[in-house]
Amino acid sequence: MFFSLAGQTAIVTGAATGIGEAIARRLSLAGAAVAVADLNPEGAAEVAAAIGGDAFALQIDIARSDSVSNAVTQVLERRGRIDVLVNNAGIAGKAAPLWEQSDEDWQRVIAVNLTGVFHCCRAVMAPMRSRRYGRIVNVASIAGKEGNPNMTGYSSSKAGVIAFTKSLAKEVATEGICVNSVTPAVIRTKILDQLSQAQIDYMTEKIPMRRTGTPEEIAAVVHFLASPDCSFVTGQCYDASGGRATY
C-alpha cells in the first residue's frame, strides 16, 4: 500500500471533531495507532471508540506546556514511539475588527493556534530525533497567506504557523524528520459556527471552485505528508484551497 503507516504511532490534536477527526480516521485506515488528542476527553474517547483498532483517546490542552508534555509521555509509555504529529487543533477567535478586540481575545488565539504548535513540536523532538525519523504536519490556513478581515488574530497566528514550519524543517532536515504545513481554505466544520455568515460567504466567494472543502479532502493531503513516502518534501506549505491561493 502506498503511504502505509503500518506499525507507526500518530498523534492528531483537535481530533474529536472536524478536520482532526477525518485525519485520525484516515491515518488509522493506513495502519497507524492514532492518539485522538483533544481538550474534550469525552469527544476524544467517542472518536477513538468509533475508529477502533489501536486508536486511543488522549486529553490535551495545547496552550499549556505541562499538559502537552504529560500527553506525550503517556503516548511514549503506551506505544514506545511517536512517528507522526499532526497539529490540527485551533480556534477561530472573536470575529470583529481590530478596535473591538481585547488583549484577551488576541492572546487566546495566539496561545492555542501558534504557541500550541510550538509546545507540541518541541515535546516530540526528543523521541523523533533519537530514532532519526518523524513526520510533523501543521494545519495552518489560507488566512495565514492572505489575511481575512475581522480575523487579525487568527490570520496572524496561521501566518506564524507557516513560518514556524519552514524554520523547524530546516533545523531537522538532516535528521530524517520532515515538517510541512497544510493551508486549507474554508472547510465545512463546526469552527464555522464561530463566524458570521457574511465572513463565510466572503471566504467562499474567493474560492474558484465556488464551494467549501471537506475534512476528508484535507485528510488526504495530510496523509501523504505524514507518510514515509514524504521523504524529500520538507518545509513546504501545501494549499488545499479549491484554487484560491496560487503561491
C-alpha atoms as a PDB file:
ATOM      1  CA  MET A   1       0.000   0.000   0.000  1.00  0.00           C
ATOM      2  CA  PHE A   2       1.260   3.459  -0.858  1.00  0.00           C
ATOM      3  CA  PHE A   3       1.552   5.844   2.113  1.00  0.00           C
ATOM      4  CA  SER A   4       1.339   2.934   4.550  1.00  0.00           C
ATOM      5  CA  LEU A   5       1.650   3.786   8.228  1.00  0.00           C
ATOM      6  CA  ALA A   6       1.656   0.193   9.469  1.00  0.00           C
ATOM      7  CA  GLY A   7       3.287  -0.105  12.880  1.00  0.00           C
ATOM      8  CA  GLN A   8       3.525   3.646  13.370  1.00  0.00           C
ATOM      9  CA  THR A   9       2.131   5.854  16.119  1.00  0.00           C
ATOM     10  CA  ALA A  10       0.483   9.168  15.310  1.00  0.00           C
ATOM     11  CA  ILE A  11      -0.800  12.000  17.476  1.00  0.00           C
ATOM     12  CA  VAL A  12      -3.555  14.157  15.988  1.00  0.00           C
ATOM     13  CA  THR A  13      -4.601  17.193  18.013  1.00  0.00           C
ATOM     14  CA  GLY A  14      -8.111  18.561  17.856  1.00  0.00           C
ATOM     15  CA  ALA A  15      -9.209  15.134  16.676  1.00  0.00           C
ATOM     16  CA  ALA A  16     -12.588  14.965  18.401  1.00  0.00           C
ATOM     17  CA  THR A  17     -14.310  16.799  15.549  1.00  0.00           C
ATOM     18  CA  GLY A  18     -13.978  18.130  12.018  1.00  0.00           C
ATOM     19  CA  ILE A  19     -10.699  18.034  10.152  1.00  0.00           C
ATOM     20  CA  GLY A  20      -8.862  16.396  13.048  1.00  0.00           C
ATOM     21  CA  GLU A  21     -11.342  13.545  13.238  1.00  0.00           C
ATOM     22  CA  ALA A  22     -11.100  12.981   9.483  1.00  0.00           C
ATOM     23  CA  ILE A  23      -7.301  12.922   9.717  1.00  0.00           C
ATOM     24  CA  ALA A  24      -7.353  10.485  12.631  1.00  0.00           C
ATOM     25  CA  ARG A  25      -9.661   8.149  10.727  1.00  0.00           C
ATOM     26  CA  ARG A  26      -7.529   8.339   7.577  1.00  0.00           C
ATOM     27  CA  LEU A  27      -4.244   7.654   9.376  1.00  0.00           C
ATOM     28  CA  SER A  28      -5.813   4.759  11.234  1.00  0.00           C
ATOM     29  CA  LEU A  29      -7.004   3.217   7.972  1.00  0.00           C
ATOM     30  CA  ALA A  30      -3.408   3.483   6.746  1.00  0.00           C
ATOM     31  CA  GLY A  31      -2.283   1.352   9.682  1.00  0.00           C
ATOM     32  CA  ALA A  32      -1.260   3.829  12.355  1.00  0.00           C
ATOM     33  CA  ALA A  33      -2.127   3.615  16.025  1.00  0.00           C
ATOM     34  CA  VAL A  34      -3.689   7.034  16.476  1.00  0.00           C
ATOM     35  CA  ALA A  35      -3.785   9.087  19.654  1.00  0.00           C
ATOM     36  CA  VAL A  36      -7.028  11.027  19.292  1.00  0.00           C
ATOM     37  CA  ALA A  37      -5.886  14.094  21.217  1.00  0.00           C
ATOM     38  CA  ASP A  38      -8.327  16.791  22.251  1.00  0.00           C
ATOM     39  CA  LEU A  39      -9.210  19.203  25.027  1.00  0.00           C
ATOM     40  CA  ASN A  40     -12.569  17.414  25.210  1.00  0.00           C
ATOM     41  CA  PRO A  41     -11.882  13.942  26.695  1.00  0.00           C
ATOM     42  CA  GLU A  42     -15.398  12.650  26.088  1.00  0.00           C
ATOM     43  CA  GLY A  43     -15.299  13.647  22.422  1.00  0.00           C
ATOM     44  CA  ALA A  44     -11.852  12.124  22.001  1.00  0.00           C
ATOM     45  CA  ALA A  45     -12.986   8.865  23.604  1.00  0.00           C
ATOM     46  CA  GLU A  46     -16.031   8.713  21.344  1.00  0.00           C
ATOM     47  CA  VAL A  47     -13.963   9.150  18.187  1.00  0.00           C
ATOM     48  CA  ALA A  48     -11.307   6.673  19.339  1.00  0.00           C
ATOM     49  CA  ALA A  49     -14.002   4.084  20.046  1.00  0.00           C
ATOM     50  CA  ALA A  50     -15.581   4.687  16.646  1.00  0.00           C
ATOM     51  CA  ILE A  51     -12.227   4.269  14.903  1.00  0.00           C
ATOM     52  CA  GLY A  52     -11.434   1.132  16.871  1.00  0.00           C
ATOM     53  CA  GLY A  53      -8.271  -0.876  16.443  1.00  0.00           C
ATOM     54  CA  ASP A  54      -5.291   0.691  18.198  1.00  0.00           C
ATOM     55  CA  ALA A  55      -6.810   4.186  18.379  1.00  0.00           C
ATOM     56  CA  PHE A  56      -6.936   5.691  21.867  1.00  0.00           C
ATOM     57  CA  ALA A  57      -8.136   8.934  23.432  1.00  0.00           C
ATOM     58  CA  LEU A  58      -5.703  11.483  24.831  1.00  0.00           C
ATOM     59  CA  GLN A  59      -6.708  14.612  26.714  1.00  0.00           C
ATOM     60  CA  ILE A  60      -4.519  17.601  25.929  1.00  0.00           C
ATOM     61  CA  ASP A  61      -4.544  21.371  26.328  1.00  0.00           C
ATOM     62  CA  ILE A  62      -2.042  22.501  23.732  1.00  0.00           C
ATOM     63  CA  ALA A  63      -1.899  26.018  25.180  1.00  0.00           C
ATOM     64  CA  ARG A  64      -0.253  24.576  28.314  1.00  0.00           C
ATOM     65  CA  SER A  65       3.244  23.119  28.027  1.00  0.00           C
ATOM     66  CA  ASP A  66       2.771  20.859  31.067  1.00  0.00           C
ATOM     67  CA  SER A  67      -0.352  19.307  29.559  1.00  0.00           C
ATOM     68  CA  VAL A  68       1.462  18.691  26.277  1.00  0.00           C
ATOM     69  CA  SER A  69       4.475  17.134  27.999  1.00  0.00           C
ATOM     70  CA  ASN A  70       2.220  14.858  30.030  1.00  0.00           C
ATOM     71  CA  ALA A  71       0.289  13.772  26.935  1.00  0.00           C
ATOM     72  CA  VAL A  72       3.458  12.941  25.008  1.00  0.00           C
ATOM     73  CA  THR A  73       4.766  10.952  27.973  1.00  0.00           C
ATOM     74  CA  GLN A  74       1.525   8.947  28.018  1.00  0.00           C
ATOM     75  CA  VAL A  75       1.886   8.101  24.332  1.00  0.00           C
ATOM     76  CA  LEU A  76       5.501   7.017  24.764  1.00  0.00           C
ATOM     77  CA  GLU A  77       4.613   4.851  27.764  1.00  0.00           C
ATOM     78  CA  ARG A  78       1.818   3.219  25.811  1.00  0.00           C
ATOM     79  CA  ARG A  79       3.437   2.872  22.394  1.00  0.00           C
ATOM     80  CA  GLY A  80       7.172   3.420  22.883  1.00  0.00           C
ATOM     81  CA  ARG A  81       7.438   5.674  19.844  1.00  0.00           C
ATOM     82  CA  ILE A  82       5.966   8.707  18.094  1.00  0.00           C
ATOM     83  CA  ASP A  83       6.277   8.719  14.334  1.00  0.00           C
ATOM     84  CA  VAL A  84       3.709  11.328  13.320  1.00  0.00           C
ATOM     85  CA  LEU A  85       2.440  14.541  14.857  1.00  0.00           C
ATOM     86  CA  VAL A  86      -0.427  16.422  13.242  1.00  0.00           C
ATOM     87  CA  ASN A  87      -1.012  19.818  14.836  1.00  0.00           C
ATOM     88  CA  ASN A  88      -4.601  20.445  13.873  1.00  0.00           C
ATOM     89  CA  ALA A  89      -6.210  21.939  16.987  1.00  0.00           C
ATOM     90  CA  GLY A  90      -7.160  25.579  16.648  1.00  0.00           C
ATOM     91  CA  ILE A  91      -9.772  28.241  17.316  1.00  0.00           C
ATOM     92  CA  ALA A  92     -11.196  30.986  15.123  1.00  0.00           C
ATOM     93  CA  GLY A  93     -11.312  33.582  17.859  1.00  0.00           C
ATOM     94  CA  LYS A  94     -13.601  36.585  18.069  1.00  0.00           C
ATOM     95  CA  ALA A  95     -14.923  37.805  14.727  1.00  0.00           C
ATOM     96  CA  ALA A  96     -14.548  41.571  14.947  1.00  0.00           C
ATOM     97  CA  PRO A  97     -12.425  44.475  13.672  1.00  0.00           C
ATOM     98  CA  LEU A  98      -9.173  45.192  15.468  1.00  0.00           C
ATOM     99  CA  TRP A  99     -10.556  48.059  17.550  1.00  0.00           C
ATOM    100  CA  GLU A 100     -13.115  45.713  19.069  1.00  0.00           C
ATOM    101  CA  GLN A 101     -10.553  43.078  20.038  1.00  0.00           C
ATOM    102  CA  SER A 102      -9.345  42.840  23.641  1.00  0.00           C
ATOM    103  CA  ASP A 103      -5.921  41.764  24.871  1.00  0.00           C
ATOM    104  CA  GLU A 104      -7.518  38.503  25.971  1.00  0.00           C
ATOM    105  CA  ASP A 105      -9.081  37.895  22.531  1.00  0.00           C
ATOM    106  CA  TRP A 106      -5.675  38.230  20.867  1.00  0.00           C
ATOM    107  CA  GLN A 107      -3.714  36.280  23.439  1.00  0.00           C
ATOM    108  CA  ARG A 108      -6.092  33.314  23.462  1.00  0.00           C
ATOM    109  CA  VAL A 109      -5.900  32.816  19.683  1.00  0.00           C
ATOM    110  CA  ILE A 110      -2.108  33.087  19.675  1.00  0.00           C
ATOM    111  CA  ALA A 111      -1.820  30.756  22.681  1.00  0.00           C
ATOM    112  CA  VAL A 112      -3.810  27.987  21.010  1.00  0.00           C
ATOM    113  CA  ASN A 113      -3.037  28.371  17.313  1.00  0.00           C
ATOM    114  CA  LEU A 114       0.647  29.279  17.420  1.00  0.00           C
ATOM    115  CA  THR A 115       2.090  28.613  20.858  1.00  0.00           C
ATOM    116  CA  GLY A 116       0.221  25.302  20.907  1.00  0.00           C
ATOM    117  CA  VAL A 117       2.097  24.212  17.779  1.00  0.00           C
ATOM    118  CA  PHE A 118       5.361  25.245  19.429  1.00  0.00           C
ATOM    119  CA  HIS A 119       4.562  23.221  22.561  1.00  0.00           C
ATOM    120  CA  CYS A 120       3.638  20.071  20.629  1.00  0.00           C
ATOM    121  CA  CYS A 121       6.559  20.161  18.217  1.00  0.00           C
ATOM    122  CA  ARG A 122       9.069  20.769  20.996  1.00  0.00           C
ATOM    123  CA  ALA A 123       7.643  17.888  23.024  1.00  0.00           C
ATOM    124  CA  VAL A 124       8.126  15.308  20.241  1.00  0.00           C
ATOM    125  CA  MET A 125      11.587  16.433  19.177  1.00  0.00           C
ATOM    126  CA  ALA A 126      13.483  14.162  21.578  1.00  0.00           C
ATOM    127  CA  PRO A 127      11.752  10.873  20.625  1.00  0.00           C
ATOM    128  CA  MET A 128      11.828  11.707  16.915  1.00  0.00           C
ATOM    129  CA  ARG A 129      15.469  12.805  16.905  1.00  0.00           C
ATOM    130  CA  SER A 130      16.555   9.759  18.900  1.00  0.00           C
ATOM    131  CA  ARG A 131      15.079   7.477  16.212  1.00  0.00           C
ATOM    132  CA  ARG A 132      16.078   9.807  13.373  1.00  0.00           C
ATOM    133  CA  TYR A 133      12.591   9.667  11.942  1.00  0.00           C
ATOM    134  CA  GLY A 134       9.465  11.751  12.159  1.00  0.00           C
ATOM    135  CA  ARG A 135       6.705  13.456  10.244  1.00  0.00           C
ATOM    136  CA  ILE A 136       5.119  16.669  11.505  1.00  0.00           C
ATOM    137  CA  VAL A 137       2.176  18.268   9.727  1.00  0.00           C
ATOM    138  CA  ASN A 138       0.918  21.646  10.918  1.00  0.00           C
ATOM    139  CA  VAL A 139      -2.553  22.669   9.812  1.00  0.00           C
ATOM    140  CA  ALA A 140      -2.410  26.392   9.048  1.00  0.00           C
ATOM    141  CA  SER A 141      -4.927  28.283   6.899  1.00  0.00           C
ATOM    142  CA  ILE A 142      -5.173  30.256   3.690  1.00  0.00           C
ATOM    143  CA  ALA A 143      -5.894  33.183   6.020  1.00  0.00           C
ATOM    144  CA  GLY A 144      -2.244  32.986   7.024  1.00  0.00           C
ATOM    145  CA  LYS A 145      -1.262  33.863   3.469  1.00  0.00           C
ATOM    146  CA  GLU A 146      -3.934  36.363   2.511  1.00  0.00           C
ATOM    147  CA  GLY A 147      -5.323  37.716   5.783  1.00  0.00           C
ATOM    148  CA  ASN A 148      -9.061  37.702   6.400  1.00  0.00           C
ATOM    149  CA  PRO A 149     -10.756  40.891   7.623  1.00  0.00           C
ATOM    150  CA  ASN A 150     -12.127  40.786  11.167  1.00  0.00           C
ATOM    151  CA  MET A 151      -9.789  37.870  11.868  1.00  0.00           C
ATOM    152  CA  THR A 152      -6.481  39.588  12.653  1.00  0.00           C
ATOM    153  CA  GLY A 153      -5.560  37.204  15.453  1.00  0.00           C
ATOM    154  CA  TYR A 154      -6.448  34.079  13.517  1.00  0.00           C
ATOM    155  CA  SER A 155      -4.730  35.244  10.323  1.00  0.00           C
ATOM    156  CA  SER A 156      -1.596  36.269  12.218  1.00  0.00           C
ATOM    157  CA  SER A 157      -1.420  33.012  14.141  1.00  0.00           C
ATOM    158  CA  LYS A 158      -1.711  30.947  10.976  1.00  0.00           C
ATOM    159  CA  ALA A 159       0.946  33.016   9.207  1.00  0.00           C
ATOM    160  CA  GLY A 160       3.127  32.275  12.208  1.00  0.00           C
ATOM    161  CA  VAL A 161       2.471  28.540  11.846  1.00  0.00           C
ATOM    162  CA  ILE A 162       3.634  28.662   8.214  1.00  0.00           C
ATOM    163  CA  ALA A 163       6.873  30.458   9.142  1.00  0.00           C
ATOM    164  CA  PHE A 164       7.428  28.232  12.174  1.00  0.00           C
ATOM    165  CA  THR A 165       7.069  25.168   9.944  1.00  0.00           C
ATOM    166  CA  LYS A 166       9.682  26.384   7.488  1.00  0.00           C
ATOM    167  CA  SER A 167      12.109  27.257  10.263  1.00  0.00           C
ATOM    168  CA  LEU A 168      11.798  23.967  12.156  1.00  0.00           C
ATOM    169  CA  ALA A 169      12.025  21.976   8.927  1.00  0.00           C
ATOM    170  CA  LYS A 170      15.465  23.428   8.260  1.00  0.00           C
ATOM    171  CA  GLU A 171      16.638  22.675  11.795  1.00  0.00           C
ATOM    172  CA  VAL A 172      15.932  18.931  11.485  1.00  0.00           C
ATOM    173  CA  ALA A 173      16.352  18.457   7.729  1.00  0.00           C
ATOM    174  CA  THR A 174      19.300  16.081   8.139  1.00  0.00           C
ATOM    175  CA  GLU A 175      17.722  14.014  10.916  1.00  0.00           C
ATOM    176  CA  GLY A 176      15.051  12.118   8.999  1.00  0.00           C
ATOM    177  CA  ILE A 177      12.289  14.432  10.203  1.00  0.00           C
ATOM    178  CA  CYS A 178      10.055  16.165   7.658  1.00  0.00           C
ATOM    179  CA  VAL A 179       7.988  19.150   8.741  1.00  0.00           C
ATOM    180  CA  ASN A 180       5.296  20.590   6.490  1.00  0.00           C
ATOM    181  CA  SER A 181       2.138  22.635   6.708  1.00  0.00           C
ATOM    182  CA  VAL A 182      -1.253  22.491   5.020  1.00  0.00           C
ATOM    183  CA  THR A 183      -3.288  25.602   4.300  1.00  0.00           C
ATOM    184  CA  PRO A 184      -6.980  24.851   3.825  1.00  0.00           C
ATOM    185  CA  ALA A 185      -9.445  27.393   2.578  1.00  0.00           C
ATOM    186  CA  VAL A 186     -12.845  27.410   4.259  1.00  0.00           C
ATOM    187  CA  ILE A 187     -13.837  23.881   5.295  1.00  0.00           C
ATOM    188  CA  ARG A 188     -17.311  22.900   6.416  1.00  0.00           C
ATOM    189  CA  THR A 189     -16.698  22.132  10.094  1.00  0.00           C
ATOM    190  CA  LYS A 190     -18.041  23.280  13.456  1.00  0.00           C
ATOM    191  CA  ILE A 191     -15.410  26.038  13.635  1.00  0.00           C
ATOM    192  CA  LEU A 192     -17.607  27.950  11.170  1.00  0.00           C
ATOM    193  CA  ASP A 193     -20.156  28.264  13.953  1.00  0.00           C
ATOM    194  CA  GLN A 194     -17.820  30.880  15.427  1.00  0.00           C
ATOM    195  CA  LEU A 195     -18.088  33.047  12.293  1.00  0.00           C
ATOM    196  CA  SER A 196     -20.822  35.132  10.766  1.00  0.00           C
ATOM    197  CA  GLN A 197     -22.481  34.092   7.509  1.00  0.00           C
ATOM    198  CA  ALA A 198     -21.004  37.207   5.921  1.00  0.00           C
ATOM    199  CA  GLN A 199     -17.487  36.001   6.772  1.00  0.00           C
ATOM    200  CA  ILE A 200     -18.210  32.523   5.427  1.00  0.00           C
ATOM    201  CA  ASP A 201     -19.607  33.985   2.203  1.00  0.00           C
ATOM    202  CA  TYR A 202     -16.575  36.261   1.862  1.00  0.00           C
ATOM    203  CA  MET A 203     -14.192  33.318   2.081  1.00  0.00           C
ATOM    204  CA  THR A 204     -16.231  31.018  -0.176  1.00  0.00           C
ATOM    205  CA  GLU A 205     -16.602  33.627  -2.915  1.00  0.00           C
ATOM    206  CA  LYS A 206     -12.817  33.759  -3.198  1.00  0.00           C
ATOM    207  CA  ILE A 207     -12.586  30.034  -3.995  1.00  0.00           C
ATOM    208  CA  PRO A 208     -12.555  29.362  -7.771  1.00  0.00           C
ATOM    209  CA  MET A 209     -14.315  26.027  -7.209  1.00  0.00           C
ATOM    210  CA  ARG A 210     -17.114  28.012  -5.522  1.00  0.00           C
ATOM    211  CA  ARG A 211     -17.555  25.598  -2.651  1.00  0.00           C
ATOM    212  CA  THR A 212     -16.201  24.797   0.745  1.00  0.00           C
ATOM    213  CA  GLY A 213     -13.806  21.912   1.157  1.00  0.00           C
ATOM    214  CA  THR A 214     -14.454  18.772   3.173  1.00  0.00           C
ATOM    215  CA  PRO A 215     -12.460  17.442   6.119  1.00  0.00           C
ATOM    216  CA  GLU A 216     -11.732  14.283   4.121  1.00  0.00           C
ATOM    217  CA  GLU A 217     -10.071  16.320   1.363  1.00  0.00           C
ATOM    218  CA  ILE A 218      -7.686  17.870   3.876  1.00  0.00           C
ATOM    219  CA  ALA A 219      -7.023  14.473   5.441  1.00  0.00           C
ATOM    220  CA  ALA A 220      -5.901  13.131   2.064  1.00  0.00           C
ATOM    221  CA  VAL A 221      -3.182  15.786   1.793  1.00  0.00           C
ATOM    222  CA  VAL A 222      -2.101  15.269   5.397  1.00  0.00           C
ATOM    223  CA  HIS A 223      -1.872  11.508   4.832  1.00  0.00           C
ATOM    224  CA  PHE A 224       0.873  11.888   2.229  1.00  0.00           C
ATOM    225  CA  LEU A 225       2.809  14.396   4.337  1.00  0.00           C
ATOM    226  CA  ALA A 226       2.559  12.034   7.331  1.00  0.00           C
ATOM    227  CA  SER A 227       3.878   9.017   5.431  1.00  0.00           C
ATOM    228  CA  PRO A 228       7.359   7.598   4.791  1.00  0.00           C
ATOM    229  CA  ASP A 229       6.787   8.422   1.101  1.00  0.00           C
ATOM    230  CA  CYS A 230       7.146  12.086   2.041  1.00  0.00           C
ATOM    231  CA  SER A 231      10.906  11.666   2.204  1.00  0.00           C
ATOM    232  CA  PHE A 232      12.192  14.587   0.100  1.00  0.00           C
ATOM    233  CA  VAL A 233       9.463  17.092   0.970  1.00  0.00           C
ATOM    234  CA  THR A 234      10.007  19.371   3.960  1.00  0.00           C
ATOM    235  CA  GLY A 235       9.449  22.997   4.867  1.00  0.00           C
ATOM    236  CA  GLN A 236       6.589  23.213   2.393  1.00  0.00           C
ATOM    237  CA  CYS A 237       3.174  24.828   2.588  1.00  0.00           C
ATOM    238  CA  TYR A 238       0.556  22.753   0.765  1.00  0.00           C
ATOM    239  CA  ASP A 239      -2.576  24.606  -0.284  1.00  0.00           C
ATOM    240  CA  ALA A 240      -5.885  22.795  -0.206  1.00  0.00           C
ATOM    241  CA  SER A 241      -7.946  25.759  -1.223  1.00  0.00           C
ATOM    242  CA  GLY A 242     -10.004  24.933  -4.298  1.00  0.00           C
ATOM    243  CA  GLY A 243      -7.663  27.166  -6.291  1.00  0.00           C
ATOM    244  CA  ARG A 244      -7.874  30.217  -4.029  1.00  0.00           C
ATOM    245  CA  ALA A 245      -4.137  30.558  -3.436  1.00  0.00           C
ATOM    246  CA  THR A 246      -1.655  30.208  -6.260  1.00  0.00           C
ATOM    247  CA  TYR A 247       1.587  30.950  -4.433  1.00  0.00           C
END
